[in-house]
């Protein structure tokens, strides 16, 4: 019986597997299918005239990626001495690949989209909030975040 329930959850289109991470004391999540890899934070190359939330760039197997400090972007005090800080390498629907610097990765969660409570307007980077095991988790709109953050650093 338990296997049937798990199978139903895995194939239910309203259930989305999310990776949960912390920025300061608040937890956020993004769809796991958008995550390419998680790597330890390494020294970045500074990008001149970049916004304050851009840490810099890293070389990922021959691909140069911009790394964004989500704490600074979300106006949360960063934890630069935190040894658990990692870069979550993500790819948006538009194919833009970048790194999101987070304080720590917590776990993965199956989020039922019916349980998400909207909190802001359409253009916001926060899609809503959801309760998971009595924890309130913000759901980031990854495409909006990437478009706002990486789009701001590109000048044509």
Protein backbone atom coordinates (compact mmCIF):
# COMPACT_ATOMS: atom_id res chain seq x y z
CA UNK A 1 0.00 0.00 0.00
CA UNK A 2 2.82 2.41 0.87
CA UNK A 3 4.46 1.78 -2.50
CA UNK A 4 1.23 2.75 -4.29
CA UNK A 5 1.05 6.01 -2.38
CA UNK A 6 4.71 6.78 -3.15
CA UNK A 7 4.19 5.91 -6.82
CA UNK A 8 1.14 8.17 -6.99
CA UNK A 9 3.09 11.05 -5.39
CA UNK A 10 5.97 10.57 -7.81
CA UNK A 11 3.69 10.65 -10.88
CA UNK A 12 1.22 13.30 -9.68
CA UNK A 13 1.76 16.46 -11.80
CA UNK A 14 0.73 18.65 -8.86
CA UNK A 15 3.61 17.32 -6.73
CA UNK A 16 6.98 18.93 -7.50
CA UNK A 17 10.30 17.74 -6.07
CA UNK A 18 12.12 20.80 -4.68
CA UNK A 19 15.55 21.38 -3.21
CA UNK A 20 15.32 23.29 0.08
CA UNK A 21 18.11 25.64 1.15
CA UNK A 22 18.61 28.35 3.77
CA UNK A 23 19.42 32.01 3.37
CA UNK A 24 19.99 33.26 6.90
CA UNK A 25 17.18 31.79 9.01
CA UNK A 26 14.62 31.65 6.17
CA UNK A 27 14.24 28.57 3.99
CA UNK A 28 13.58 28.71 0.25
CA UNK A 29 13.20 26.12 -2.47
CA UNK A 30 13.46 25.71 -6.23
CA UNK A 31 12.54 22.78 -8.49
CA UNK A 32 15.19 20.06 -8.35
CA UNK A 33 15.01 19.64 -12.13
CA UNK A 34 16.48 23.16 -12.50
CA UNK A 35 19.57 22.20 -10.48
CA UNK A 36 22.60 21.03 -12.43
CA UNK A 37 24.88 20.48 -9.45
CA UNK A 38 25.82 21.66 -5.98
CA UNK A 39 29.42 22.58 -5.31
CA UNK A 40 31.43 24.07 -2.51
CA UNK A 41 31.85 27.80 -2.74
CA UNK A 42 35.16 28.78 -4.27
CA UNK A 43 36.89 32.07 -4.84
CA UNK A 44 35.32 34.02 -7.68
CA UNK A 45 36.78 36.43 -10.20
CA UNK A 46 35.41 39.91 -9.56
CA UNK A 47 33.28 41.43 -12.29
CA UNK A 48 33.79 45.20 -12.55
CA UNK A 49 30.69 47.38 -12.23
CA UNK A 50 28.53 44.39 -11.27
CA UNK A 51 25.70 44.90 -8.77
CA UNK A 52 26.57 44.17 -5.11
CA UNK A 53 24.78 40.82 -5.13
CA UNK A 54 27.03 39.44 -7.89
CA UNK A 55 29.91 37.56 -6.22
CA UNK A 56 31.78 37.24 -9.48
CA UNK A 57 32.45 34.49 -12.00
CA UNK A 58 33.76 30.93 -11.78
CA UNK A 59 35.09 28.50 -14.36
CA UNK A 60 32.97 25.34 -14.36
CA UNK A 61 34.71 22.84 -16.63
CA UNK A 62 35.40 25.48 -19.27
CA UNK A 63 32.12 27.40 -18.88
CA UNK A 64 32.25 30.82 -17.23
CA UNK A 65 29.32 31.28 -14.82
CA UNK A 66 28.09 34.27 -12.85
CA UNK A 67 27.59 33.54 -9.14
CA UNK A 68 24.84 35.42 -7.31
CA UNK A 69 24.77 35.86 -3.52
CA UNK A 70 21.08 35.33 -2.75
CA UNK A 71 21.53 36.69 0.78
CA UNK A 72 22.55 40.11 -0.50
CA UNK A 73 19.87 40.05 -3.20
CA UNK A 74 17.16 39.15 -0.67
CA UNK A 75 18.47 41.76 1.79
CA UNK A 76 19.50 39.18 4.40
CA UNK A 77 22.83 39.54 6.24
CA UNK A 78 25.30 37.20 4.46
CA UNK A 79 27.29 34.57 6.39
CA UNK A 80 30.72 34.78 4.71
CA UNK A 81 32.46 32.62 7.36
CA UNK A 82 29.87 29.83 7.13
CA UNK A 83 31.71 26.66 5.99
CA UNK A 84 28.42 25.17 4.73
CA UNK A 85 27.91 27.85 2.05
CA UNK A 86 27.55 26.25 -1.36
CA UNK A 87 26.91 27.33 -4.93
CA UNK A 88 23.81 25.75 -6.42
CA UNK A 89 24.37 25.68 -10.18
CA UNK A 90 21.01 26.17 -11.89
CA UNK A 91 19.64 26.42 -15.40
CA UNK A 92 16.59 28.53 -16.17
CA UNK A 93 13.95 27.60 -18.73
CA UNK A 94 15.69 30.02 -21.11
CA UNK A 95 18.91 28.02 -20.83
CA UNK A 96 20.78 30.58 -18.68
CA UNK A 97 23.19 28.81 -16.32
CA UNK A 98 24.42 30.56 -13.17
CA UNK A 99 25.38 29.85 -9.59
CA UNK A 100 23.24 30.77 -6.59
CA UNK A 101 25.24 31.14 -3.38
CA UNK A 102 23.20 29.83 -0.43
CA UNK A 103 24.07 29.42 3.25
CA UNK A 104 23.34 25.69 3.28
CA UNK A 105 21.31 23.04 1.50
CA UNK A 106 18.83 21.43 3.88
CA UNK A 107 16.99 18.66 2.04
CA UNK A 108 14.57 17.83 -0.74
CA UNK A 109 10.82 18.02 -0.37
CA UNK A 110 7.78 16.99 -2.37
CA UNK A 111 5.70 20.16 -2.65
CA UNK A 112 2.02 19.86 -3.48
CA UNK A 113 1.28 22.91 -5.64
CA UNK A 114 -2.25 23.06 -4.18
CA UNK A 115 -0.68 23.91 -0.79
CA UNK A 116 1.27 26.94 -2.06
CA UNK A 117 -0.10 30.24 -0.80
CA UNK A 118 0.58 33.20 -3.07
CA UNK A 119 2.14 36.18 -1.32
CA UNK A 120 3.11 38.69 -3.99
CA UNK A 121 2.51 40.06 -7.45
CA UNK A 122 3.38 38.24 -10.66
CA UNK A 123 6.75 39.93 -11.29
CA UNK A 124 8.12 39.08 -7.84
CA UNK A 125 10.88 36.52 -7.31
CA UNK A 126 8.76 34.79 -4.62
CA UNK A 127 6.01 32.56 -6.01
CA UNK A 128 4.52 31.83 -2.60
CA UNK A 129 4.91 30.11 0.75
CA UNK A 130 4.26 26.53 1.72
CA UNK A 131 4.29 24.67 5.03
CA UNK A 132 6.45 21.53 5.11
CA UNK A 133 6.76 19.73 8.46
CA UNK A 134 5.78 22.94 10.32
CA UNK A 135 8.47 24.92 8.45
CA UNK A 136 7.44 27.87 6.30
CA UNK A 137 9.38 27.71 3.02
CA UNK A 138 9.45 30.39 0.35
CA UNK A 139 9.22 29.15 -3.24
CA UNK A 140 11.48 31.16 -5.52
CA UNK A 141 10.56 31.80 -9.13
CA UNK A 142 13.87 30.72 -10.57
CA UNK A 143 13.29 32.19 -14.02
CA UNK A 144 12.38 35.57 -12.53
CA UNK A 145 15.42 35.52 -10.22
CA UNK A 146 17.80 34.59 -13.04
CA UNK A 147 16.29 37.15 -15.43
CA UNK A 148 16.53 39.93 -12.82
CA UNK A 149 19.96 39.03 -11.54
CA UNK A 150 21.88 37.90 -14.60
CA UNK A 151 19.95 40.21 -16.89
CA UNK A 152 21.11 43.18 -14.83
CA UNK A 153 24.77 42.24 -15.32
CA UNK A 154 24.57 42.01 -19.11
CA UNK A 155 24.87 45.24 -21.05
CA UNK A 156 24.40 45.17 -24.79
